PDB file of N, CA and C in Angstrom:
ATOM      1  N   MET A   1       0.818  -1.195   0.000  1.00  0.00           N
ATOM      2  CA  MET A   1       0.000   0.000   0.000  1.00  0.00           C
ATOM      3  C   MET A   1       0.862   1.259   0.000  1.00  0.00           C
ATOM      4  N   LYS A   2       1.988   1.240   0.735  1.00  0.00           N
ATOM      5  CA  LYS A   2       2.883   2.392   0.756  1.00  0.00           C
ATOM      6  C   LYS A   2       3.436   2.667  -0.640  1.00  0.00           C
ATOM      7  N   SER A   3       3.736   1.609  -1.377  1.00  0.00           N
ATOM      8  CA  SER A   3       4.273   1.766  -2.725  1.00  0.00           C
ATOM      9  C   SER A   3       3.259   2.446  -3.638  1.00  0.00           C
ATOM     10  N   PHE A   4       1.991   2.080  -3.502  1.00  0.00           N
ATOM     11  CA  PHE A   4       0.930   2.679  -4.318  1.00  0.00           C
ATOM     12  C   PHE A   4       0.826   4.180  -4.048  1.00  0.00           C
ATOM     13  N   PHE A   5       0.792   4.577  -2.786  1.00  0.00           N
ATOM     14  CA  PHE A   5       0.703   6.005  -2.447  1.00  0.00           C
ATOM     15  C   PHE A   5       1.967   6.762  -2.848  1.00  0.00           C
ATOM     16  N   GLY A   6       3.115   6.109  -2.769  1.00  0.00           N
ATOM     17  CA  GLY A   6       4.362   6.730  -3.218  1.00  0.00           C
ATOM     18  C   GLY A   6       4.311   7.048  -4.701  1.00  0.00           C
ATOM     19  N   TRP A   7       3.862   6.067  -5.504  1.00  0.00           N
ATOM     20  CA  TRP A   7       3.744   6.292  -6.944  1.00  0.00           C
ATOM     21  C   TRP A   7       2.659   7.325  -7.260  1.00  0.00           C
ATOM     22  N   LEU A   8       1.591   7.310  -6.503  1.00  0.00           N
ATOM     23  CA  LEU A   8       0.517   8.279  -6.698  1.00  0.00           C
ATOM     24  C   LEU A   8       1.017   9.709  -6.457  1.00  0.00           C
ATOM     25  N   ILE A   9       1.816   9.883  -5.432  1.00  0.00           N
ATOM     26  CA  ILE A   9       2.386  11.205  -5.142  1.00  0.00           C
ATOM     27  C   ILE A   9       3.348  11.635  -6.247  1.00  0.00           C
ATOM     28  N   VAL A  10       4.179  10.715  -6.714  1.00  0.00           N
ATOM     29  CA  VAL A  10       5.125  11.035  -7.795  1.00  0.00           C
ATOM     30  C   VAL A  10       4.376  11.437  -9.062  1.00  0.00           C
ATOM     31  N   VAL A  11       3.353  10.684  -9.429  1.00  0.00           N
ATOM     32  CA  VAL A  11       2.573  10.993 -10.629  1.00  0.00           C
ATOM     33  C   VAL A  11       1.854  12.334 -10.464  1.00  0.00           C
ATOM     34  N   ALA A  12       1.274  12.587  -9.287  1.00  0.00           N
ATOM     35  CA  ALA A  12       0.592  13.855  -9.044  1.00  0.00           C
ATOM     36  C   ALA A  12       1.564  15.026  -9.148  1.00  0.00           C
ATOM     37  N   LEU A  13       2.772  14.879  -8.596  1.00  0.00           N
ATOM     38  CA  LEU A  13       3.774  15.954  -8.695  1.00  0.00           C
ATOM     39  C   LEU A  13       4.197  16.191 -10.142  1.00  0.00           C
ATOM     40  N   LEU A  14       4.342  15.117 -10.910  1.00  0.00           N
ATOM     41  CA  LEU A  14       4.692  15.267 -12.330  1.00  0.00           C
ATOM     42  C   LEU A  14       3.588  15.985 -13.098  1.00  0.00           C
ATOM     43  N   ILE A  15       2.350  15.650 -12.821  1.00  0.00           N
ATOM     44  CA  ILE A  15       1.232  16.308 -13.503  1.00  0.00           C
ATOM     45  C   ILE A  15       1.170  17.786 -13.114  1.00  0.00           C
ATOM     46  N   ILE A  16       1.297  18.086 -11.841  1.00  0.00           N
ATOM     47  CA  ILE A  16       1.278  19.489 -11.384  1.00  0.00           C
ATOM     48  C   ILE A  16       2.442  20.263 -11.982  1.00  0.00           C
ATOM     49  N   SER A  17       3.631  19.655 -12.032  1.00  0.00           N
ATOM     50  CA  SER A  17       4.794  20.309 -12.638  1.00  0.00           C
ATOM     51  C   SER A  17       4.554  20.589 -14.115  1.00  0.00           C
ATOM     52  N   GLY A  18       3.962  19.642 -14.820  1.00  0.00           N
ATOM     53  CA  GLY A  18       3.658  19.834 -16.234  1.00  0.00           C
ATOM     54  C   GLY A  18       2.664  20.957 -16.461  1.00  0.00           C
ATOM     55  N   ILE A  19       1.647  21.043 -15.621  1.00  0.00           N
ATOM     56  CA  ILE A  19       0.645  22.105 -15.743  1.00  0.00           C
ATOM     57  C   ILE A  19       1.272  23.471 -15.474  1.00  0.00           C
ATOM     58  N   ILE A  20       2.100  23.557 -14.450  1.00  0.00           N
ATOM     59  CA  ILE A  20       2.781  24.829 -14.136  1.00  0.00           C
ATOM     60  C   ILE A  20       3.695  25.241 -15.283  1.00  0.00           C
ATOM     61  N   TYR A  21       4.451  24.276 -15.837  1.00  0.00           N
ATOM     62  CA  TYR A  21       5.324  24.584 -16.970  1.00  0.00           C
ATOM     63  C   TYR A  21       4.492  25.088 -18.150  1.00  0.00           C
ATOM     64  N   TRP A  22       3.427  24.399 -18.481  1.00  0.00           N
ATOM     65  CA  TRP A  22       2.604  24.763 -19.633  1.00  0.00           C
ATOM     66  C   TRP A  22       1.966  26.140 -19.442  1.00  0.00           C
ATOM     67  N   LYS A  23       1.516  26.433 -18.245  1.00  0.00           N
ATOM     68  CA  LYS A  23       0.816  27.695 -17.974  1.00  0.00           C
ATOM     69  C   LYS A  23       1.762  28.898 -17.923  1.00  0.00           C
ATOM     70  N   TYR A  24       2.954  28.736 -17.342  1.00  0.00           N
ATOM     71  CA  TYR A  24       3.811  29.896 -17.074  1.00  0.00           C
ATOM     72  C   TYR A  24       5.141  29.944 -17.829  1.00  0.00           C
ATOM     73  N   TYR A  25       5.604  28.833 -18.385  1.00  0.00           N
ATOM     74  CA  TYR A  25       6.922  28.829 -19.015  1.00  0.00           C
ATOM     75  C   TYR A  25       6.911  28.397 -20.473  1.00  0.00           C
ATOM     76  N   PHE A  26       5.869  27.744 -20.934  1.00  0.00           N
ATOM     77  CA  PHE A  26       5.763  27.316 -22.321  1.00  0.00           C
ATOM     78  C   PHE A  26       5.417  28.523 -23.185  1.00  0.00           C
ATOM     79  N   VAL A  27       6.192  28.773 -24.246  1.00  0.00           N
ATOM     80  CA  VAL A  27       5.938  29.901 -25.140  1.00  0.00           C
ATOM     81  C   VAL A  27       4.792  29.509 -26.067  1.00  0.00           C
ATOM     82  N   PHE A  28       3.638  30.127 -25.849  1.00  0.00           N
ATOM     83  CA  PHE A  28       2.430  29.829 -26.612  1.00  0.00           C
ATOM     84  C   PHE A  28       2.504  30.415 -28.018  1.00  0.00           C
ATOM     85  N   GLY A  29       3.072  31.598 -28.138  1.00  0.00           N
ATOM     86  CA  GLY A  29       3.197  32.259 -29.430  1.00  0.00           C
ATOM     87  C   GLY A  29       4.272  33.319 -29.383  1.00  0.00           C
ATOM     88  N   GLU A  30       4.753  33.691 -30.546  1.00  0.00           N
ATOM     89  CA  GLU A  30       5.722  34.785 -30.625  1.00  0.00           C
ATOM     90  C   GLU A  30       5.550  35.487 -31.951  1.00  0.00           C
ATOM     91  N   GLY A  31       5.954  36.747 -31.982  1.00  0.00           N
ATOM     92  CA  GLY A  31       5.799  37.533 -33.189  1.00  0.00           C
ATOM     93  C   GLY A  31       6.353  38.927 -33.015  1.00  0.00           C
ATOM     94  N   VAL A  32       5.974  39.804 -33.936  1.00  0.00           N
ATOM     95  CA  VAL A  32       6.443  41.187 -33.927  1.00  0.00           C
ATOM     96  C   VAL A  32       5.225  42.105 -33.984  1.00  0.00           C
ATOM     97  N   LYS A  33       5.207  43.099 -33.133  1.00  0.00           N
ATOM     98  CA  LYS A  33       4.175  44.135 -33.149  1.00  0.00           C
ATOM     99  C   LYS A  33       4.853  45.465 -33.427  1.00  0.00           C
ATOM    100  N   SER A  34       4.179  46.305 -34.203  1.00  0.00           N
ATOM    101  CA  SER A  34       4.723  47.604 -34.576  1.00  0.00           C
ATOM    102  C   SER A  34       3.794  48.713 -34.126  1.00  0.00           C
ATOM    103  N   GLY A  35       4.390  49.830 -33.740  1.00  0.00           N
ATOM    104  CA  GLY A  35       3.588  50.982 -33.356  1.00  0.00           C
ATOM    105  C   GLY A  35       4.435  52.030 -32.657  1.00  0.00           C
ATOM    106  N   TYR A  36       3.752  53.059 -32.206  1.00  0.00           N
ATOM    107  CA  TYR A  36       4.421  54.153 -31.508  1.00  0.00           C
ATOM    108  C   TYR A  36       4.412  53.860 -30.016  1.00  0.00           C
ATOM    109  N   LEU A  37       5.579  53.998 -29.403  1.00  0.00           N
ATOM    110  CA  LEU A  37       5.694  53.728 -27.973  1.00  0.00           C
ATOM    111  C   LEU A  37       5.022  54.841 -27.185  1.00  0.00           C
ATOM    112  N   ASN A  38       3.990  54.482 -26.440  1.00  0.00           N
ATOM    113  CA  ASN A  38       3.267  55.450 -25.621  1.00  0.00           C
ATOM    114  C   ASN A  38       4.000  55.681 -24.316  1.00  0.00           C
ATOM    115  N   TYR A  39       4.363  54.606 -23.622  1.00  0.00           N
ATOM    116  CA  TYR A  39       5.114  54.745 -22.382  1.00  0.00           C
ATOM    117  C   TYR A  39       5.876  53.471 -22.061  1.00  0.00           C
ATOM    118  N   ALA A  40       6.896  53.640 -21.240  1.00  0.00           N
ATOM    119  CA  ALA A  40       7.652  52.535 -20.648  1.00  0.00           C
ATOM    120  C   ALA A  40       7.898  52.934 -19.197  1.00  0.00           C
ATOM    121  N   VAL A  41       7.427  52.113 -18.260  1.00  0.00           N
ATOM    122  CA  VAL A  41       7.518  52.437 -16.842  1.00  0.00           C
ATOM    123  C   VAL A  41       8.012  51.245 -16.042  1.00  0.00           C
ATOM    124  N   LYS A  42       8.570  51.562 -14.883  1.00  0.00           N
ATOM    125  CA  LYS A  42       8.939  50.536 -13.909  1.00  0.00           C
ATOM    126  C   LYS A  42       7.966  50.676 -12.759  1.00  0.00           C
ATOM    127  N   LYS A  43       7.195  49.606 -12.480  1.00  0.00           N
ATOM    128  CA  LYS A  43       6.188  49.725 -11.430  1.00  0.00           C
ATOM    129  C   LYS A  43       5.952  48.385 -10.752  1.00  0.00           C
ATOM    130  N   GLY A  44       5.301  48.439  -9.616  1.00  0.00           N
ATOM    131  CA  GLY A  44       4.938  47.239  -8.885  1.00  0.00           C
ATOM    132  C   GLY A  44       5.044  47.452  -7.394  1.00  0.00           C
ATOM    133  N   ASN A  45       4.256  46.700  -6.639  1.00  0.00           N
ATOM    134  CA  ASN A  45       4.277  46.798  -5.186  1.00  0.00           C
ATOM    135  C   ASN A  45       5.421  45.990  -4.585  1.00  0.00           C
ATOM    136  N   LEU A  46       5.440  44.708  -4.871  1.00  0.00           N
ATOM    137  CA  LEU A  46       6.466  43.831  -4.323  1.00  0.00           C
ATOM    138  C   LEU A  46       7.579  43.582  -5.340  1.00  0.00           C
ATOM    139  N   PHE A  47       7.175  43.233  -6.554  1.00  0.00           N
ATOM    140  CA  PHE A  47       8.133  43.003  -7.637  1.00  0.00           C
ATOM    141  C   PHE A  47       8.069  44.182  -8.591  1.00  0.00           C
ATOM    142  N   LYS A  48       9.168  44.905  -8.744  1.00  0.00           N
ATOM    143  CA  LYS A  48       9.235  46.015  -9.693  1.00  0.00           C
ATOM    144  C   LYS A  48       9.489  45.441 -11.078  1.00  0.00           C
ATOM    145  N   THR A  49       8.535  45.646 -11.980  1.00  0.00           N
ATOM    146  CA  THR A  49       8.652  45.122 -13.338  1.00  0.00           C
ATOM    147  C   THR A  49       8.571  46.268 -14.334  1.00  0.00           C
ATOM    148  N   TYR A  50       9.029  46.010 -15.544  1.00  0.00           N
ATOM    149  CA  TYR A  50       9.006  46.991 -16.621  1.00  0.00           C
ATOM    150  C   TYR A  50       7.778  46.728 -17.488  1.00  0.00           C
ATOM    151  N   GLU A  51       6.976  47.758 -17.669  1.00  0.00           N
ATOM    152  CA  GLU A  51       5.742  47.654 -18.448  1.00  0.00           C
ATOM    153  C   GLU A  51       5.744  48.731 -19.518  1.00  0.00           C
ATOM    154  N   GLY A  52       5.038  48.470 -20.620  1.00  0.00           N
ATOM    155  CA  GLY A  52       4.965  49.453 -21.686  1.00  0.00           C
ATOM    156  C   GLY A  52       3.698  49.317 -22.496  1.00  0.00           C
ATOM    157  N   LYS A  53       3.452  50.341 -23.312  1.00  0.00           N
ATOM    158  CA  LYS A  53       2.286  50.325 -24.194  1.00  0.00           C
ATOM    159  C   LYS A  53       2.692  50.845 -25.561  1.00  0.00           C
ATOM    160  N   LEU A  54       2.286  50.113 -26.581  1.00  0.00           N
ATOM    161  CA  LEU A  54       2.529  50.468 -27.966  1.00  0.00           C
ATOM    162  C   LEU A  54       1.187  50.837 -28.589  1.00  0.00           C
ATOM    163  N   ILE A  55       1.107  51.983 -29.250  1.00  0.00           N
ATOM    164  CA  ILE A  55      -0.107  52.390 -29.950  1.00  0.00           C
ATOM    165  C   ILE A  55       0.093  52.021 -31.414  1.00  0.00           C
ATOM    166  N   GLN A  56      -0.775  51.121 -31.898  1.00  0.00           N
ATOM    167  CA  GLN A  56      -0.656  50.643 -33.272  1.00  0.00           C
ATOM    168  C   GLN A  56      -1.526  51.474 -34.199  1.00  0.00           C
ATOM    169  N   GLU A  57      -1.099  51.593 -35.439  1.00  0.00           N
ATOM    170  CA  GLU A  57      -1.858  52.341 -36.423  1.00  0.00           C
ATOM    171  C   GLU A  57      -3.073  51.539 -36.849  1.00  0.00           C
ATOM    172  N   GLY A  58      -4.122  52.231 -37.241  1.00  0.00           N
ATOM    173  CA  GLY A  58      -5.329  51.559 -37.701  1.00  0.00           C
ATOM    174  C   GLY A  58      -6.490  51.852 -36.783  1.00  0.00           C
ATOM    175  N   PHE A  59      -7.560  51.152 -37.035  1.00  0.00           N
ATOM    176  CA  PHE A  59      -8.782  51.355 -36.277  1.00  0.00           C
ATOM    177  C   PHE A  59      -8.982  50.194 -35.329  1.00  0.00           C
ATOM    178  N   GLY A  60      -9.423  50.516 -34.128  1.00  0.00           N
ATOM    179  CA  GLY A  60      -9.657  49.495 -33.119  1.00  0.00           C
ATOM    180  C   GLY A  60     -11.027  48.858 -33.262  1.00  0.00           C
ATOM    181  N   GLY A  61     -11.253  47.836 -32.482  1.00  0.00           N
ATOM    182  CA  GLY A  61     -12.514  47.129 -32.498  1.00  0.00           C
ATOM    183  C   GLY A  61     -13.470  47.660 -31.454  1.00  0.00           C
ATOM    184  N   GLY A  62     -13.492  48.951 -31.272  1.00  0.00           N
ATOM    185  CA  GLY A  62     -14.339  49.572 -30.253  1.00  0.00           C
ATOM    186  C   GLY A  62     -15.782  49.652 -30.713  1.00  0.00           C
ATOM    187  N   ARG A  63     -16.477  50.632 -30.191  1.00  0.00           N
ATOM    188  CA  ARG A  63     -17.881  50.814 -30.526  1.00  0.00           C
ATOM    189  C   ARG A  63     -18.039  51.256 -31.969  1.00  0.00           C
ATOM    190  N   THR A  64     -19.187  50.972 -32.536  1.00  0.00           N
ATOM    191  CA  THR A  64     -19.478  51.336 -33.917  1.00  0.00           C
ATOM    192  C   THR A  64     -19.532  52.857 -34.052  1.00  0.00           C
ATOM    193  N   GLY A  65     -18.867  53.365 -35.085  1.00  0.00           N
ATOM    194  CA  GLY A  65     -18.888  54.794 -35.351  1.00  0.00           C
ATOM    195  C   GLY A  65     -17.869  55.591 -34.566  1.00  0.00           C
ATOM    196  N   VAL A  66     -17.069  54.939 -33.730  1.00  0.00           N
ATOM    197  CA  VAL A  66     -16.067  55.640 -32.929  1.00  0.00           C
ATOM    198  C   VAL A  66     -14.686  55.150 -33.357  1.00  0.00           C
ATOM    199  N   ILE A  67     -13.798  56.072 -33.624  1.00  0.00           N
ATOM    200  CA  ILE A  67     -12.436  55.707 -34.021  1.00  0.00           C
ATOM    201  C   ILE A  67     -11.609  55.530 -32.756  1.00  0.00           C
ATOM    202  N   THR A  68     -11.013  54.349 -32.610  1.00  0.00           N
ATOM    203  CA  THR A  68     -10.133  54.066 -31.480  1.00  0.00           C
ATOM    204  C   THR A  68      -8.830  53.488 -32.011  1.00  0.00           C
ATOM    205  N   SER A  69      -7.803  53.501 -31.197  1.00  0.00           N
ATOM    206  CA  SER A  69      -6.524  52.942 -31.614  1.00  0.00           C
ATOM    207  C   SER A  69      -6.345  51.552 -31.016  1.00  0.00           C
ATOM    208  N   ASN A  70      -5.530  50.756 -31.677  1.00  0.00           N
ATOM    209  CA  ASN A  70      -5.171  49.444 -31.152  1.00  0.00           C
ATOM    210  C   ASN A  70      -3.997  49.625 -30.209  1.00  0.00           C
ATOM    211  N   GLU A  71      -4.071  49.005 -29.058  1.00  0.00           N
ATOM    212  CA  GLU A  71      -3.002  49.111 -28.072  1.00  0.00           C
ATOM    213  C   GLU A  71      -2.404  47.740 -27.813  1.00  0.00           C
ATOM    214  N   PHE A  72      -1.107  47.708 -27.654  1.00  0.00           N
ATOM    215  CA  PHE A  72      -0.391  46.489 -27.294  1.00  0.00           C
ATOM    216  C   PHE A  72       0.309  46.771 -25.969  1.00  0.00           C
ATOM    217  N   ILE A  73      -0.204  46.178 -24.902  1.00  0.00           N
ATOM    218  CA  ILE A  73       0.370  46.360 -23.568  1.00  0.00           C
ATOM    219  C   ILE A  73       1.282  45.172 -23.293  1.00  0.00           C
ATOM    220  N   PHE A  74       2.513  45.442 -22.871  1.00  0.00           N
ATOM    221  CA  PHE A  74       3.519  44.401 -22.750  1.00  0.00           C
ATOM    222  C   PHE A  74       4.384  44.602 -21.518  1.00  0.00           C
ATOM    223  N   SER A  75       5.164  43.578 -21.205  1.00  0.00           N
ATOM    224  CA  SER A  75       6.164  43.634 -20.140  1.00  0.00           C
ATOM    225  C   SER A  75       7.538  43.402 -20.748  1.00  0.00           C
ATOM    226  N   VAL A  76       8.568  43.858 -20.049  1.00  0.00           N
ATOM    227  CA  VAL A  76       9.950  43.697 -20.495  1.00  0.00           C
ATOM    228  C   VAL A  76      10.754  43.098 -19.356  1.00  0.00           C
ATOM    229  N   GLU A  77      11.540  42.051 -19.646  1.00  0.00           N
ATOM    230  CA  GLU A  77      12.381  41.443 -18.614  1.00  0.00           C
ATOM    231  C   GLU A  77      13.778  42.063 -18.552  1.00  0.00           C
ATOM    232  N   SER A  78      14.283  42.511 -19.683  1.00  0.00           N
ATOM    233  CA  SER A  78      15.664  42.966 -19.789  1.00  0.00           C
ATOM    234  C   SER A  78      15.822  44.441 -19.437  1.00  0.00           C
ATOM    235  N   ASP A  79      16.815  44.734 -18.601  1.00  0.00           N
ATOM    236  CA  ASP A  79      17.128  46.128 -18.252  1.00  0.00           C
ATOM    237  C   ASP A  79      17.569  46.925 -19.468  1.00  0.00           C
ATOM    238  N   SER A  80      18.373  46.318 -20.334  1.00  0.00           N
ATOM    239  CA  SER A  80      18.907  47.045 -21.486  1.00  0.00           C
ATOM    240  C   SER A  80      17.796  47.413 -22.471  1.00  0.00           C
ATOM    241  N   ILE A  81      16.844  46.525 -22.698  1.00  0.00           N
ATOM    242  CA  ILE A  81      15.725  46.851 -23.586  1.00  0.00           C
ATOM    243  C   ILE A  81      14.874  47.952 -22.969  1.00  0.00           C
ATOM    244  N   TYR A  82      14.618  47.852 -21.678  1.00  0.00           N
ATOM    245  CA  TYR A  82      13.821  48.886 -21.002  1.00  0.00           C
ATOM    246  C   TYR A  82      14.495  50.252 -21.100  1.00  0.00           C
ATOM    247  N   ASN A  83      15.815  50.314 -20.923  1.00  0.00           N
ATOM    248  CA  ASN A  83      16.526  51.599 -20.991  1.00  0.00           C
ATOM    249  C   ASN A  83      16.378  52.243 -22.363  1.00  0.00           C
ATOM    250  N   ILE A  84      16.410  51.435 -23.423  1.00  0.00           N
ATOM    251  CA  ILE A  84      16.217  51.968 -24.777  1.00  0.00           C
ATOM    252  C   ILE A  84      14.792  52.492 -24.935  1.00  0.00           C
ATOM    253  N   LEU A  85      13.825  51.715 -24.473  1.00  0.00           N
ATOM    254  CA  LEU A  85      12.424  52.133 -24.592  1.00  0.00           C
ATOM    255  C   LEU A  85      12.149  53.393 -23.771  1.00  0.00           C
ATOM    256  N   GLU A  86      12.694  53.444 -22.576  1.00  0.00           N
ATOM    257  CA  GLU A  86      12.451  54.571 -21.676  1.00  0.00           C
ATOM    258  C   GLU A  86      12.930  55.890 -22.268  1.00  0.00           C
ATOM    259  N   THR A  87      14.059  55.873 -22.946  1.00  0.00           N
ATOM    260  CA  THR A  87      14.633  57.111 -23.481  1.00  0.00           C
ATOM    261  C   THR A  87      14.110  57.466 -24.871  1.00  0.00           C
ATOM    262  N   ASN A  88      13.274  56.602 -25.469  1.00  0.00           N
ATOM    263  CA  ASN A  88      12.783  56.851 -26.824  1.00  0.00           C
ATOM    264  C   ASN A  88      11.262  56.795 -26.910  1.00  0.00           C
ATOM    265  N   SER A  89      10.577  57.268 -25.906  1.00  0.00           N
ATOM    266  CA  SER A  89       9.122  57.281 -25.913  1.00  0.00           C
ATOM    267  C   SER A  89       8.620  58.160 -27.052  1.00  0.00           C
ATOM    268  N   GLY A  90       7.580  57.709 -27.737  1.00  0.00           N
ATOM    269  CA  GLY A  90       7.012  58.450 -28.856  1.00  0.00           C
ATOM    270  C   GLY A  90       7.546  58.025 -30.205  1.00  0.00           C
ATOM    271  N   LYS A  91       8.601  57.240 -30.238  1.00  0.00           N
ATOM    272  CA  LYS A  91       9.170  56.782 -31.505  1.00  0.00           C
ATOM    273  C   LYS A  91       8.470  55.505 -31.968  1.00  0.00           C
ATOM    274  N   PHE A  92       8.659  55.180 -33.241  1.00  0.00           N
ATOM    275  CA  PHE A  92       8.053  53.989 -33.843  1.00  0.00           C
ATOM    276  C   PHE A  92       8.967  52.796 -33.618  1.00  0.00           C
ATOM    277  N   PHE A  93       8.418  51.712 -33.095  1.00  0.00           N
ATOM    278  CA  PHE A  93       9.187  50.512 -32.788  1.00  0.00           C
ATOM    279  C   PHE A  93       8.567  49.277 -33.445  1.00  0.00           C
ATOM    280  N   ASP A  94       9.407  48.339 -33.808  1.00  0.00           N
ATOM    281  CA  ASP A  94       9.016  46.971 -34.116  1.00  0.00           C
ATOM    282  C   ASP A  94       9.573  46.131 -32.975  1.00  0.00           C
ATOM    283  N   LEU A  95       8.693  45.533 -32.164  1.00  0.00           N
ATOM    284  CA  LEU A  95       9.103  44.789 -30.981  1.00  0.00           C
ATOM    285  C   LEU A  95       8.791  43.309 -31.139  1.00  0.00           C
ATOM    286  N   HIS A  96       9.786  42.472 -30.914  1.00  0.00           N
ATOM    287  CA  HIS A  96       9.580  41.022 -30.911  1.00  0.00           C
ATOM    288  C   HIS A  96       9.133  40.617 -29.510  1.00  0.00           C
ATOM    289  N   TYR A  97       8.111  39.776 -29.439  1.00  0.00           N
ATOM    290  CA  TYR A  97       7.572  39.378 -28.142  1.00  0.00           C
ATOM    291  C   TYR A  97       7.318  37.871 -28.090  1.00  0.00           C
ATOM    292  N   LYS A  98       7.217  37.381 -26.867  1.00  0.00           N
ATOM    293  CA  LYS A  98       6.796  36.003 -26.608  1.00  0.00           C
ATOM    294  C   LYS A  98       5.516  36.061 -25.788  1.00  0.00           C
ATOM    295  N   GLU A  99       4.594  35.174 -26.127  1.00  0.00           N
ATOM    296  CA  GLU A  99       3.317  35.137 -25.417  1.00  0.00           C
ATOM    297  C   GLU A  99       3.232  33.854 -24.584  1.00  0.00           C
ATOM    298  N   TYR A 100       2.873  34.017 -23.333  1.00  0.00           N
ATOM    299  CA  TYR A 100       2.696  32.897 -22.418  1.00  0.00           C
ATOM    300  C   TYR A 100       1.225  32.775 -22.059  1.00  0.00           C
ATOM    301  N   LYS A 101       0.838  31.664 -21.473  1.00  0.00           N
ATOM    302  CA  LYS A 101      -0.557  31.460 -21.056  1.00  0.00           C
ATOM    303  C   LYS A 101      -0.888  32.225 -19.777  1.00  0.00           C
ATOM    304  N   GLY A 102       0.090  32.444 -18.911  1.00  0.00           N
ATOM    305  CA  GLY A 102      -0.152  33.122 -17.646  1.00  0.00           C
ATOM    306  C   GLY A 102       0.988  34.071 -17.309  1.00  0.00           C
ATOM    307  N   ALA A 103       0.692  35.044 -16.473  1.00  0.00           N
ATOM    308  CA  ALA A 103       1.689  36.033 -16.053  1.00  0.00           C
ATOM    309  C   ALA A 103       2.256  35.657 -14.685  1.00  0.00           C
ATOM    310  N   LEU A 104       3.554  35.830 -14.540  1.00  0.00           N
ATOM    311  CA  LEU A 104       4.219  35.644 -13.252  1.00  0.00           C
ATOM    312  C   LEU A 104       4.534  37.018 -12.670  1.00  0.00           C
ATOM    313  N   PRO A 105       4.346  37.210 -11.368  1.00  0.00           N
ATOM    314  CA  PRO A 105       4.516  38.553 -10.795  1.00  0.00           C
ATOM    315  C   PRO A 105       5.918  39.123 -10.956  1.00  0.00           C
ATOM    316  N   TRP A 106       6.944  38.310 -10.991  1.00  0.00           N
ATOM    317  CA  TRP A 106       8.313  38.822 -11.141  1.00  0.00           C
ATOM    318  C   TRP A 106       8.706  38.988 -12.593  1.00  0.00           C
ATOM    319  N   ARG A 107       7.886  38.488 -13.523  1.00  0.00           N
ATOM    320  CA  ARG A 107       8.178  38.627 -14.943  1.00  0.00           C
ATOM    321  C   ARG A 107       7.447  39.812 -15.550  1.00  0.00           C
ATOM    322  N   GLY A 108       6.296  40.191 -14.978  1.00  0.00           N
ATOM    323  CA  GLY A 108       5.539  41.314 -15.495  1.00  0.00           C
ATOM    324  C   GLY A 108       4.056  41.125 -15.278  1.00  0.00           C
ATOM    325  N   ASN A 109       3.291  42.159 -15.612  1.00  0.00           N
ATOM    326  CA  ASN A 109       1.844  42.123 -15.396  1.00  0.00           C
ATOM    327  C   ASN A 109       1.071  41.548 -16.571  1.00  0.00           C
ATOM    328  N   THR A 110       1.728  41.299 -17.683  1.00  0.00           N
ATOM    329  CA  THR A 110       1.028  40.807 -18.876  1.00  0.00           C
ATOM    330  C   THR A 110       1.600  39.461 -19.307  1.00  0.00           C
ATOM    331  N   VAL A 111       0.903  38.835 -20.260  1.00  0.00           N
ATOM    332  CA  VAL A 111       1.383  37.563 -20.813  1.00  0.00           C
ATOM    333  C   VAL A 111       2.305  37.804 -22.011  1.00  0.00           C
ATOM    334  N   TYR A 112       2.445  39.059 -22.432  1.00  0.00           N
ATOM    335  CA  TYR A 112       3.322  39.415 -23.553  1.00  0.00           C
ATOM    336  C   TYR A 112       4.638  39.960 -23.013  1.00  0.00           C
ATOM    337  N   ILE A 113       5.747  39.286 -23.332  1.00  0.00           N
ATOM    338  CA  ILE A 113       7.067  39.687 -22.861  1.00  0.00           C
ATOM    339  C   ILE A 113       7.918  40.073 -24.068  1.00  0.00           C
ATOM    340  N   VAL A 114       8.301  41.343 -24.132  1.00  0.00           N
ATOM    341  CA  VAL A 114       9.172  41.817 -25.221  1.00  0.00           C
ATOM    342  C   VAL A 114      10.593  41.391 -24.909  1.00  0.00           C
ATOM    343  N   ASP A 115      11.206  40.689 -25.868  1.00  0.00           N
ATOM    344  CA  ASP A 115      12.562  40.190 -25.657  1.00  0.00           C
ATOM    345  C   ASP A 115      13.586  40.779 -26.625  1.00  0.00           C
ATOM    346  N   LYS A 116      13.105  41.567 -27.608  1.00  0.00           N
ATOM    347  CA  LYS A 116      14.039  42.114 -28.590  1.00  0.00           C
ATOM    348  C   LYS A 116      13.421  43.301 -29.303  1.00  0.00           C
ATOM    349  N   ILE A 117      14.237  44.299 -29.577  1.00  0.00           N
ATOM    350  CA  ILE A 117      13.818  45.421 -30.423  1.00  0.00           C
ATOM    351  C   ILE A 117      14.305  45.114 -31.827  1.00  0.00           C
ATOM    352  N   VAL A 118      13.358  44.936 -32.743  1.00  0.00           N
ATOM    353  CA  VAL A 118      13.720  44.600 -34.110  1.00  0.00           C
ATOM    354  C   VAL A 118      14.172  45.845 -34.855  1.00  0.00           C
ATOM    355  N   ARG A 119      13.398  46.940 -34.687  1.00  0.00           N
ATOM    356  CA  ARG A 119      13.709  48.177 -35.411  1.00  0.00           C
ATOM    357  C   ARG A 119      13.120  49.358 -34.656  1.00  0.00           C
ATOM    358  N   MET A 120      13.797  50.490 -34.770  1.00  0.00           N
ATOM    359  CA  MET A 120      13.323  51.722 -34.154  1.00  0.00           C
ATOM    360  C   MET A 120      13.483  52.843 -35.174  1.00  0.00           C
ATOM    361  N   LYS A 121      12.430  53.656 -35.362  1.00  0.00           N
ATOM    362  CA  LYS A 121      12.499  54.803 -36.291  1.00  0.00           C
ATOM    363  C   LYS A 121      12.289  56.076 -35.497  1.00  0.00           C
TER     364      LYS A 121
END
């Protein structure tokens, strides 16, 4: 009976580990978003993270008859990328990002993590 419960615990831990990996560490998608950098800030109560917003050209999916902009809200893990974004607010950027299923408090407030600046105008 002890052997059965031992194996049950091992299998349960493996399943929980797999779910945590899939939810928080598995890269669900990646790509490039382009737009004008609205802001880049460092904020947080316990974990200070880098956050930003990109305003994309075009029309948003807002209410009918109202023109809205598309926004891409993201987090940044790298200090060097954040420093570039912070000093170039208002410029046009092409940002490479990775998308995760869930956000971790020390990684940022969003599921989109910018890992590279492709181009800046």
